[in-house]
Each structure stands twice: as structure tokens, then as C-alpha cells.
Amino acid sequence: MVNFARDTVDAADPDATALIELARDGSRRVWSFGEVADGAARLGGLLAARGVGRGDVVMTLIGNRPEWVLTMVACFRIGAVVLPCTEQLRAADLRSRLDALPGGVRLIVADDRNRDVLAEAAPDADVVWIQDPDLLQADPAPAVDLEPADGCLITFTSGTSGRAKPVLHGQRYLTGQAVQAEHWLGAGPDDLVWCTAASGWSKSARNVFIAPWLRGAAALLHDARFDPAERLELLVRERVTVLCMAPTEYRVIGARAIVPELPDCRGLVAAGEALNPEVIRAWREATGLTIRDGYGQTETGQITGVPPGGEVRPGSMGRPLPGVRAWIDAGELVVDPATVPTFFLGYLGADDGPADGTPAPGAAPSAHGAAPSAASAVPSAHGAAPSAASAVPPAAGAAPPAASAVPSADGAAAADAAPPTPDSIPPADRAASGEVWRTGDRVTQDDDGYLFFEGRTDDVIISAGYRIGPFEVESALVSHPAVAEAAAVAAPAPERGSVVRAVVVLRDGHAPSDALARELQDHVKAQTAPYKYPRIVEFVDELPKTSSGKVRRKDLREGRSQGSQAGAGATPGGRGAAGRSASAAGSAPRGPRDDDGSQAGTGTTSDGASR
């Protein structure tokens, strides 16, 4: 039996520092583990008094504030399933998430500053506001005994052909963070860890406070807009020892501020997108520290990384964490779910199929279910001898033992499972399905097993660490009366890696113009989270399509479109105006309600993936 609140928070030294809160009004408060334990227990009592029970879903709409942490821990304590949402979401995004949950949401805990957007989303649940003076006044709730496969956390992932899908994690997701906390994040007692990811993203759920606390470290919470100079000032002033940011943040700070020596900092880690070698070099020259990259997904949690003291190879996201078995199949990274301690339980909803291109339960596995060949096996980053149950080849090229082979899946257990309800979560445990997990990421491997990210095998757009499903952008665009058709693809950009590029076919009676491009950009920001808006807008006569009518996105990514001509400010292949073309190179992340949607917390992606 497990319970994170009891086993980690209650068990900690009550006088030890758990959180350092830097509030939006400039105030600072230190929270001890005793204060967090008591506050979470009392908030758990309030949730229980409001009808929240084991397996019920509680949604949060709170920034990087202690009340968000207390709500998360309160849910872990009473066995509720928590759905953290970023404050960047618009009403339509929130409504989509609410509608995606089969059993709905029992209760919402929110900051009053989000009252208007929440009201517009019209949730079918009561709301507890964190400004309520009685928030932490209830009798403490007892910690319940939970199984590792009991529901714990819901995050959302962006797919290529539909709305964001809810990913359900079990209690093992919490305890399983101990592996990456030790072998990648590298936190320990007396450390102060600052993971800048905003609440609501997958990386925030695991690295803002869970991973640090598992290692006896304290966590820093900063509820303010991202400012490069302020970020550096706070690192020095608060004596942060371990920093976890998105590559975009490292890039922007390096380009727009002078990085000082960081005498107290001993570890820099990054996840969310590919880390440029020049960024690693610039920070090493300024601080003497080398940024260590890592990789994971919403569904998997962290699965690779460069360990503390390990060799950093420019452009590499390290090697698999201890115990994790991964390999390359046809250029795609594939993992054995049974060896990933934080692997998800399943997708919620009638369709338990994956969002990002992996085969659904029961799908014909072909070569996907086969054990990796000796030539393609990826070794552990740490060289430990693997156990038979979750074998990791101890050296590059060594074949895994027969006991570790992943069998071909017949899908019976997962495919025949009943749709989930609040009382029967999850529909099936994907880690126990016998199927391999195809990440949808193109990855290469050197002779020593170091992995290098190359891109997606599907159409997901990765911009400044956010994963953006093209369907979400296209749906927002075609809801504008001037748009007949639209396609969204990635376009390269210096600071953000990629930006969203919209290719638009107008309805009769509408003509391309800079003003219309700006109008479409603003329309998308109003319809969905603003980090998804297209920084490049092109107008074309028609979209390139296959004979069956499907959009040829490859042609669009390569700048080819039909019946079009280049116009001023447009990417080749476009016609007319490209809108705010100057912004396509990316701008500094700003705040939770700013145009680009980035903030102090731009460290994760729209589906929380760590690459």
C-alpha cells in the first residue's frame, strides 16, 4: 500500500523547508513540511466534506502557488484523482477537458483571478476558491491506503487528428519519480530545486515538488511572468542549487541577459525540446556548469537523461534511466512499458487508443511487438546489471535476456475492457498489456547508446517545448468566417525551435492582407490557449492534397502549396500577407495571459512531454 502524502510529506522532518514561495505581489514565505502536511490534510478534509471521495476527479486552475501544491497533496492523501490545468487555457480548452472525462469532475479548486474564464467554460461542478478563508480550516483527513495502480493524476496530450486526450496516471507515477530524481534531476538533502514549469503541465506535476521531496530537497515556487533578468537575479538571491528549465528558457536568457556565475548552483537540467549545443556551451562558459538534457512524454514520464557527473554529448538527451529498456525501431524510439516505473495506466474515454501514433490495444503488432535485436538495443546510462524482469543491456549491442523480451500483443485484456467510470479507473493498465510503446519520436543512437532527438514521426508541432496538435489550431482558424480551409505545420525558428505556421484558404469575398493575418492570429488566441497561435500566416489558393483528399503536410512543411505565389513577408509557397512575420523568430516568454502564452513555466509542452 502507498500514499505519497503519508509516506513522503508526513514522514519528512516537520521543521525542514518544503517550499519557498515567491508570490506575484513580491512577498516571500517559507513553508515547512509540517505546514504543508497540515494544510494538505485540512484541505483534504474540506474536499471530503464537499463530497470528494476516492477515485473522484478534482480539477485545479491555479498558478505556481502553494495552494496548488496543497490541493495536489490533498488529493493524493484521500485517493482523489487530480487534474491540474494551466492558467493559459481558454474557456473552450477547459470545456473540452471537462467534456473529455467520462465521469466528469467532482470539484474544482481555482484562483479567483481565473473566475471569468472558468465561468465562461460553464463547468458542471462546484468551485472552491483558494481565497476562501476557510480553505485550510477543516478537520484533517486521514491518509488512505492505495494501490500503485490506483488513479492519481490526469494530464492531457495533444494528438494530430483530434482534441487533446486525457492520460491517467496511477499512484506509481509518484513513487516512480525517485528514479529520475536521483539519476537525472540529481536533487538531494539541503538542495533547493527550481523547476520553472507552470502548474498544469506534466513536468510540473513531477519535478516542481514531487521529485525534489522524494530526495529530501526543498522546492521554489515563483508565481510571476518570465523575465530573463529577474530569473537570473532570483537564482542568485535564493541560492538555488538545482535548476530545471526548458531549452527555450536557457536560449532566451542567454540571448537577452548576461548570465552570471551561479556560485550556489551545482546542477542544470533541461527537458521539453532538443537542446542546442551552442546553448550548452554558452551556459558552461558563464557558470562552469553543463546543462544535462533528458527526455520523456506525458504517458511515460522521464525515460532518458544525462546523470549527474555524466558525460554530456552535445545534442544528446542521454541514455535510458536505470531499469528502462528502450531501442530504435525503423528510426523511432520504442520502450518496454513494463520497465518504466512512471508509465501511464491508460487514456480516459470510450476510445482507449493512443494520441500520438502508437498502435491501439489489439492492433496488429507486426514488428512492433518483437523484442529488440542485439544491434538496436539501447544500454542503460549507468551500466548497472539488469534484472531478468526488466533487463537493460549492460553495454551497447548486448542482447536482452529472453525473460525481458516484449511479447506480441493480442490486445485482449485492453481491447475488451469496459469504458472507464469514476468507480472503475483505469480501463486497463497499459504497462501490463504486453505491448511495446512507440513514442512517435525520430531518434538516432551513437555507438555508446547516447540518444539524439531528430523530430516527430507525426504532425505534432513542438514550439518552445509545447506540443501543439495541428487539429486544435486548424479548428480555431476555420471557425473564423473568412476561412474556408486551413492547415497548421511547423516552421523553424531560432529561439523556439519551431513555430506554428498556418496555411489558409479564404472564402470567396475575402482577400489576403496583413490586417486579416493579424485578425486570424488574434482569433486563434481567443479560441484556444495563446501559445498555439500561428506566428506565421500564409494565404494560398488551395491546399496540396492526396487523391483521397487528405492534406499533404509534408509538402507544406517543405514550403510547397498549390496555385499560390510568394508575397511580401510570406514564406515561399505563400500568397499575400504572412501577418506578423517579424514575430516568427520567436519572442521572449512573457506571462500567463500574454499573446504568446508563455510564462515562468514555459518549461513543458502542451501535452507535458519532456522533449
Foldseek 3Di string as FASTA:
>chain_A
DDFCLVPQLVPFDQAAWAEWEQEAVRDIDTHGSVNLSLQLQLLLLVCVVLPDAALAEEEEEEKLGSVVVSPLNNCSQRNYEYQYAYNLWALLLVLVVQVQFPAGHAEYEYAPVSVVRPVSNPGPYYYHHPVPPCSRVGDGHGGDDDDQARWRYWFWDAFAADHTFIFTWGNLLLVLLQQCLCFAQNAAAPAEEEELAIIRFLCCVHPQRRSNSVRNYHGYGHRFFDDLVVVQVCLQVVLHATYEFALLSLLVNLVPHQRAARVSHDYAEAFQDWHALVSQVSCCVHHVYGYKAWFFFLQQPTFAIAGVVGDDDGQFRHFGTPQWKWWADPQFIKTQLLSGSGGTFFIADPQRQDRYDWGGQQPFCVCQQWFDALQTTAAHRPQDAYDLCRGHPSWRSGGRDPSNIQHGFNRPQQVPFDHDHSVDPDSGGPSPRSGMTTPQWRWDADRGRTIHTDGGNDFFERWLSATHHQVLLFVLLCVDQFFDGKTWGWDQADSTRTFIAIETETDPPDDAELVVLVVSQVSSVNNTRLLNGGLWYFYANDADADPVGHGPVVCVRVQDGPRAQDDVLHGRNGHHHGHNSVCRNDDDGTPCSDNNRGGSSSRHHSRNTTD
